[in-house]
């Protein structure tokens, strides 16, 4: 039973869809964040435990000829509820971790965008101070091109 749960993740599973690329190709696409990898590992571990528990329950039900059907159903129901609750708690914690990661990455993107805008403003100020005539001519040319574009577009839509 352990060998089925601990198989090589690079080997395709039985009945795997041929349209899904193999794991190494998927890994190339994914960002290798240690936090994401740890979360994925924990999620896989929890799902593996859930699968093992279901298989164990199936084997116990097959092997036990004694006991009433209602008792077997009660045992299965209790185990299923416990596993579902455990899986739900694990999923909620993973979702919270992923939310934190998304927030951190969003903050990083915002910081980089602000930094880029500040650099562009500084370059524009320096250019305006060093070459004011060229900047004025460039602004006038840009305004002229924009005005002509708007006028042509308006004329086409009327």
Protein backbone atom coordinates (compact mmCIF):
# COMPACT_ATOMS: atom_id res chain seq x y z
CA UNK A 1 0.00 0.00 0.00
CA UNK A 2 2.88 2.41 0.75
CA UNK A 3 4.38 1.92 -2.67
CA UNK A 4 1.21 3.19 -4.35
CA UNK A 5 1.14 6.31 -2.20
CA UNK A 6 4.85 7.06 -2.50
CA UNK A 7 5.21 6.57 -6.25
CA UNK A 8 7.46 8.82 -8.32
CA UNK A 9 5.50 12.05 -9.11
CA UNK A 10 7.17 12.27 -12.53
CA UNK A 11 5.58 9.00 -13.65
CA UNK A 12 2.12 9.47 -15.16
CA UNK A 13 -0.69 8.02 -13.11
CA UNK A 14 -2.76 5.18 -14.49
CA UNK A 15 -5.59 6.61 -16.56
CA UNK A 16 -3.91 10.03 -16.77
CA UNK A 17 -5.17 12.25 -19.54
CA UNK A 18 -2.74 12.51 -22.49
CA UNK A 19 -3.69 16.19 -22.92
CA UNK A 20 -2.18 17.11 -19.56
CA UNK A 21 1.57 17.76 -19.89
CA UNK A 22 3.93 15.72 -17.69
CA UNK A 23 4.93 17.15 -14.34
CA UNK A 24 8.40 18.46 -15.36
CA UNK A 25 6.79 20.67 -18.03
CA UNK A 26 4.31 22.03 -15.52
CA UNK A 27 7.08 22.76 -13.02
CA UNK A 28 8.88 24.94 -15.56
CA UNK A 29 5.81 27.20 -15.74
CA UNK A 30 5.32 27.52 -11.98
CA UNK A 31 7.16 30.16 -9.96
CA UNK A 32 9.47 28.33 -7.53
CA UNK A 33 8.42 30.07 -4.36
CA UNK A 34 9.52 28.15 -1.25
CA UNK A 35 6.28 29.08 0.50
CA UNK A 36 4.17 27.78 -2.38
CA UNK A 37 6.21 24.60 -2.58
CA UNK A 38 5.82 24.01 1.14
CA UNK A 39 2.07 24.66 0.95
CA UNK A 40 1.71 22.33 -2.02
CA UNK A 41 3.70 19.66 -0.21
CA UNK A 42 1.47 19.96 2.87
CA UNK A 43 -1.68 19.86 0.76
CA UNK A 44 -0.44 16.77 -1.06
CA UNK A 45 0.41 15.14 2.25
CA UNK A 46 -3.08 15.82 3.60
CA UNK A 47 -4.75 14.49 0.47
CA UNK A 48 -2.51 11.42 0.60
CA UNK A 49 -3.62 10.76 4.16
CA UNK A 50 -7.23 11.12 3.10
CA UNK A 51 -6.78 8.62 0.25
CA UNK A 52 -4.99 6.21 2.58
CA UNK A 53 -7.81 6.46 5.11
CA UNK A 54 -10.45 5.78 2.46
CA UNK A 55 -8.51 2.76 1.20
CA UNK A 56 -8.04 1.51 4.75
CA UNK A 57 -11.76 1.83 5.40
CA UNK A 58 -12.54 -0.02 2.18
CA UNK A 59 -10.20 -2.86 3.16
CA UNK A 60 -11.71 -3.09 6.64
CA UNK A 61 -15.21 -3.25 5.22
CA UNK A 62 -14.24 -5.93 2.73
CA UNK A 63 -12.44 -7.96 5.38
CA UNK A 64 -15.05 -7.76 8.11
CA UNK A 65 -17.92 -10.08 7.43
CA UNK A 66 -19.37 -9.59 10.84
CA UNK A 67 -21.33 -6.61 12.11
CA UNK A 68 -24.49 -5.05 10.85
CA UNK A 69 -24.68 -2.88 7.76
CA UNK A 70 -25.88 0.08 9.82
CA UNK A 71 -22.83 -0.23 12.08
CA UNK A 72 -20.56 -0.25 9.04
CA UNK A 73 -22.32 2.80 7.64
CA UNK A 74 -22.03 4.59 10.98
CA UNK A 75 -18.28 3.89 11.13
CA UNK A 76 -17.80 5.08 7.55
CA UNK A 77 -19.83 8.21 8.22
CA UNK A 78 -17.85 9.09 11.34
CA UNK A 79 -14.52 8.55 9.62
CA UNK A 80 -15.64 10.50 6.56
CA UNK A 81 -16.77 13.43 8.69
CA UNK A 82 -13.50 13.48 10.60
CA UNK A 83 -11.42 13.31 7.41
CA UNK A 84 -13.57 15.94 5.69
CA UNK A 85 -13.22 18.29 8.64
CA UNK A 86 -9.46 17.74 8.75
CA UNK A 87 -9.18 18.31 5.00
CA UNK A 88 -11.31 21.45 5.26
CA UNK A 89 -9.09 22.87 8.00
CA UNK A 90 -5.96 22.12 6.01
CA UNK A 91 -7.46 23.66 2.87
CA UNK A 92 -8.47 26.78 4.81
CA UNK A 93 -4.95 27.22 6.15
CA UNK A 94 -3.48 26.75 2.66
CA UNK A 95 -5.91 29.29 1.26
CA UNK A 96 -4.88 31.76 3.93
CA UNK A 97 -1.19 31.16 3.15
CA UNK A 98 -1.80 31.65 -0.57
CA UNK A 99 -3.74 34.84 0.16
CA UNK A 100 -0.77 36.17 2.11
CA UNK A 101 1.56 35.27 -0.74
CA UNK A 102 -0.69 37.03 -3.25
CA UNK A 103 -0.84 40.13 -1.03
CA UNK A 104 2.95 40.18 -0.65
CA UNK A 105 3.48 39.82 -4.38
CA UNK A 106 0.92 42.54 -5.07
CA UNK A 107 2.75 44.87 -2.71
CA UNK A 108 6.03 44.07 -4.47
CA UNK A 109 4.52 44.86 -7.87
CA UNK A 110 3.10 48.15 -6.55
CA UNK A 111 6.46 49.08 -5.06
CA UNK A 112 8.24 48.36 -8.36
CA UNK A 113 5.64 50.33 -10.34
CA UNK A 114 5.99 53.33 -8.01
CA UNK A 115 9.77 53.11 -8.28
CA UNK A 116 9.56 53.00 -12.08
CA UNK A 117 7.19 56.02 -12.15
CA UNK A 118 9.50 57.98 -9.86
CA UNK A 119 12.46 57.22 -12.10
CA UNK A 120 10.51 58.27 -15.20
CA UNK A 121 9.51 61.55 -13.54
CA UNK A 122 13.09 62.24 -12.52
CA UNK A 123 14.31 61.57 -16.07
CA UNK A 124 11.63 63.86 -17.49
CA UNK A 125 12.60 66.67 -15.07
CA UNK A 126 16.27 66.31 -15.98
CA UNK A 127 15.46 66.33 -19.70
CA UNK A 128 13.27 69.42 -19.30
CA UNK A 129 16.03 71.25 -17.43
CA UNK A 130 18.84 70.25 -19.77
CA UNK A 131 17.02 70.59 -23.11
CA UNK A 132 13.88 72.73 -22.66
CA UNK A 133 13.49 73.60 -26.38
CA UNK A 134 13.62 69.95 -27.49
CA UNK A 135 11.14 68.94 -24.77
CA UNK A 136 8.72 71.72 -25.81
CA UNK A 137 9.01 70.69 -29.47
CA UNK A 138 8.45 67.02 -28.59
CA UNK A 139 5.39 67.91 -26.48
CA UNK A 140 4.01 70.03 -29.33
CA UNK A 141 4.59 67.25 -31.85
CA UNK A 142 2.92 64.71 -29.58
CA UNK A 143 -0.07 67.03 -29.11
CA UNK A 144 -0.33 67.57 -32.87
CA UNK A 145 -0.26 63.83 -33.60
CA UNK A 146 -2.83 63.14 -30.88
CA UNK A 147 -5.11 65.90 -32.16
CA UNK A 148 -4.94 64.63 -35.73
CA UNK A 149 -5.62 61.07 -34.60
CA UNK A 150 -8.71 62.16 -32.66
CA UNK A 151 -9.98 64.28 -35.54
CA UNK A 152 -9.57 61.43 -38.05
CA UNK A 153 -11.23 58.96 -35.72
CA UNK A 154 -14.15 61.30 -35.08
CA UNK A 155 -14.57 61.89 -38.81
CA UNK A 156 -14.73 58.14 -39.51
CA UNK A 157 -17.41 57.51 -36.89
CA UNK A 158 -19.73 60.32 -37.93
